[in-house]
Protein backbone atom coordinates (compact mmCIF):
# COMPACT_ATOMS: atom_id res chain seq x y z
CA MET A 1 22.72 37.33 66.95
CA LYS A 2 23.96 33.34 68.05
CA GLN A 3 20.57 32.43 69.13
CA ILE A 4 19.35 33.27 65.67
CA LEU A 5 21.97 31.71 63.88
CA SER A 6 21.55 28.81 65.73
CA LEU A 7 17.72 28.75 65.33
CA PHE A 8 18.68 29.22 61.75
CA LEU A 9 20.69 25.87 61.61
CA TRP A 10 18.59 24.09 63.44
CA ALA A 11 15.37 24.64 61.31
CA ILE A 12 17.90 23.45 58.05
CA LEU A 13 19.35 20.28 59.84
CA ILE A 14 15.32 19.74 60.98
CA SER A 15 14.23 20.25 57.13
CA CYS A 16 16.94 17.99 55.77
CA HIS A 17 16.39 15.04 57.80
CA LYS A 18 12.43 15.10 57.03
CA LYS A 19 13.63 14.79 53.30
CA VAL A 20 15.88 12.23 53.93
CA GLU A 21 13.12 10.26 56.01
CA GLU A 22 10.72 10.82 53.54
CA LYS A 23 13.03 9.45 50.87
CA ALA A 24 14.32 6.26 52.49
CA CYS A 25 10.82 5.16 54.27
CA PRO A 26 10.68 1.70 52.28
CA ILE A 27 6.91 1.21 52.93
CA GLN A 28 5.53 4.20 51.16
CA GLN A 29 2.47 3.57 49.64
CA LYS A 30 1.88 3.84 46.05
CA LYS A 31 -0.04 6.08 44.59
CA GLU A 32 -2.17 3.85 41.80
CA SER A 33 -1.39 5.99 38.11
CA LYS A 34 -4.40 6.78 35.80
CA PHE A 35 -1.16 6.87 33.27
CA LYS A 36 -1.78 3.82 31.04
CA MET A 37 0.91 3.36 27.96
CA TYR A 38 -0.92 3.02 25.12
CA GLN A 39 0.12 -0.23 22.77
CA MET A 40 -0.01 -0.08 19.14
CA SER A 41 -2.05 -3.22 17.79
CA GLU A 42 -0.07 -5.56 15.12
CA MET A 43 -2.21 -3.53 12.60
CA SER A 44 -1.03 -0.09 13.82
CA LEU A 45 2.62 -1.17 13.58
CA LEU A 46 1.92 -2.89 10.01
CA MET A 47 0.47 0.60 9.01
CA GLU A 48 2.96 2.29 10.45
CA GLN A 49 5.67 0.46 8.85
CA MET A 50 4.25 0.48 5.25
CA TYR A 51 3.81 4.05 5.49
CA ALA A 52 7.37 4.56 5.97
CA ASP A 53 8.03 2.20 2.95
CA ASN A 54 5.68 3.93 0.97
CA MET A 55 7.36 7.48 1.60
CA ARG A 56 10.78 5.41 0.41
CA LEU A 57 9.02 3.97 -2.54
CA LYS A 58 7.16 7.60 -3.14
CA ASN A 59 11.00 9.14 -3.17
CA ARG A 60 12.30 6.13 -5.47
CA ILE A 61 9.48 6.48 -8.10
CA MET A 62 9.94 10.20 -7.54
CA SER A 63 13.76 10.42 -8.53
CA GLY A 64 13.28 7.39 -11.33
CA GLU A 65 15.21 4.95 -9.30
CA SER A 66 14.23 1.33 -9.86
CA VAL A 67 10.97 0.61 -7.18
CA GLY A 68 12.94 -2.44 -5.56
CA ALA A 69 11.00 -5.51 -4.71
CA PHE A 70 7.28 -5.69 -3.48
CA PRO A 71 7.64 -5.79 0.47
CA GLU A 72 6.59 -9.08 1.71
CA HIS A 73 5.39 -7.94 5.22
CA PHE A 74 2.50 -6.31 3.42
CA THR A 75 0.85 -9.69 2.94
CA GLN A 76 0.25 -9.51 7.06
CA ILE A 77 -2.45 -7.20 6.32
CA HIS A 78 -4.71 -10.13 5.84
CA HIS A 79 -3.66 -11.55 9.17
CA ALA A 80 -2.65 -8.87 11.90
CA GLN A 81 -4.41 -8.22 15.07
CA MET A 82 -6.62 -4.90 14.77
CA THR A 83 -7.13 -3.16 18.24
CA ASP A 84 -10.97 -4.00 17.40
CA PRO A 85 -10.89 -7.53 15.80
CA ALA A 86 -14.79 -6.58 14.64
CA GLU A 87 -12.95 -4.26 12.25
CA ASN A 88 -11.60 -7.13 10.09
CA ASP A 89 -14.62 -7.62 8.32
CA GLU A 90 -15.41 -7.97 4.75
CA PHE A 91 -15.23 -4.12 4.16
CA PHE A 92 -11.62 -4.53 5.31
CA GLN A 93 -10.42 -7.25 3.31
CA ALA A 94 -11.58 -6.53 0.04
CA GLN A 95 -9.61 -2.95 0.78
CA ALA A 96 -6.78 -5.05 1.72
CA ASP A 97 -7.08 -6.72 -1.37
CA ALA A 98 -7.49 -3.60 -3.67
CA TYR A 99 -4.40 -2.29 -1.57
CA LEU A 100 -2.11 -5.35 -2.47
CA THR A 101 -3.32 -5.08 -5.84
CA ALA A 102 -2.18 -1.75 -6.45
CA GLN A 103 1.40 -2.04 -4.59
CA HIS A 104 1.98 -5.63 -6.67
CA LEU A 105 1.48 -3.64 -10.16
CA ILE A 106 4.01 -1.03 -8.86
CA TYR A 107 6.77 -4.02 -8.65
CA ASN A 108 5.65 -5.68 -11.95
CA ASP A 109 4.38 -2.66 -13.91
CA SER A 110 7.21 -0.13 -12.81
CA ALA A 111 6.47 2.27 -16.04
CA GLN A 112 3.37 3.10 -14.24
CA ALA A 113 4.62 3.21 -10.99
CA LYS A 114 2.87 6.45 -10.10
CA LYS A 115 -0.45 5.55 -11.51
CA HIS A 116 -0.33 2.23 -9.35
CA PHE A 117 1.05 4.27 -6.31
CA ASN A 118 -1.49 6.38 -6.12
CA ALA A 119 -4.32 3.61 -6.70
CA GLY A 120 -3.01 2.42 -3.40
CA VAL A 121 -3.22 5.76 -1.65
CA ASP A 122 -6.84 5.88 -2.78
CA ALA A 123 -7.48 2.19 -1.68
CA CYS A 124 -6.06 3.52 2.00
CA ILE A 125 -7.79 6.67 1.94
CA ASP A 126 -11.29 4.70 0.71
CA CYS A 127 -10.64 2.16 3.55
CA HIS A 128 -9.95 4.88 6.61
CA GLN A 129 -12.93 6.83 5.19
CA ALA A 130 -15.40 4.10 6.37
CA LYS A 131 -13.07 2.49 9.27
CA CYS A 132 -10.46 4.93 11.13
CA THR A 133 -10.72 8.65 9.62
CA GLY A 134 -7.63 9.46 12.15
CA PRO A 135 -4.82 9.08 9.78
CA ILE A 136 -6.05 10.31 6.46
CA GLU A 137 -4.73 13.89 6.22
CA ARG A 138 -1.02 11.69 6.99
CA ILE A 139 -2.04 9.17 3.80
CA LYS A 140 -2.98 12.01 1.60
CA LYS A 141 0.93 13.01 1.94
CA LEU A 142 2.04 10.09 0.14
CA TYR A 143 0.31 10.87 -3.65
CA ILE A 144 2.77 11.47 -6.39
CA PRO A 145 1.59 14.69 -7.74
């Protein structure tokens, strides 16, 4: 019985010692990770911010609150760096202008805010149908019924 217990303890000590050695070795070679962190482009970040701002604006319009002031950072849509810079073409610039026009109208003609807001959502969808279709379903959630 003593021999079995002694052998068992010896096995535990050896296994623990090996684990400590493996962790303590400073010269371990690191494996190359194939995981790459996704970096959002300036345009992606801007569009995320515009989406959040428009969700708040939608709620203000629906509850009859003041729409406030035009968010000037929206004008960065013309200059923000895109994931693929070739996408910032004449079509995109025209769609960006249509979007900004609708946005300005919300703040300048608040009596028709719902109409202008939905026109801005239409401009987003029109552009995304041609450029990047992924967020269309999400954008549709902005519509004010």
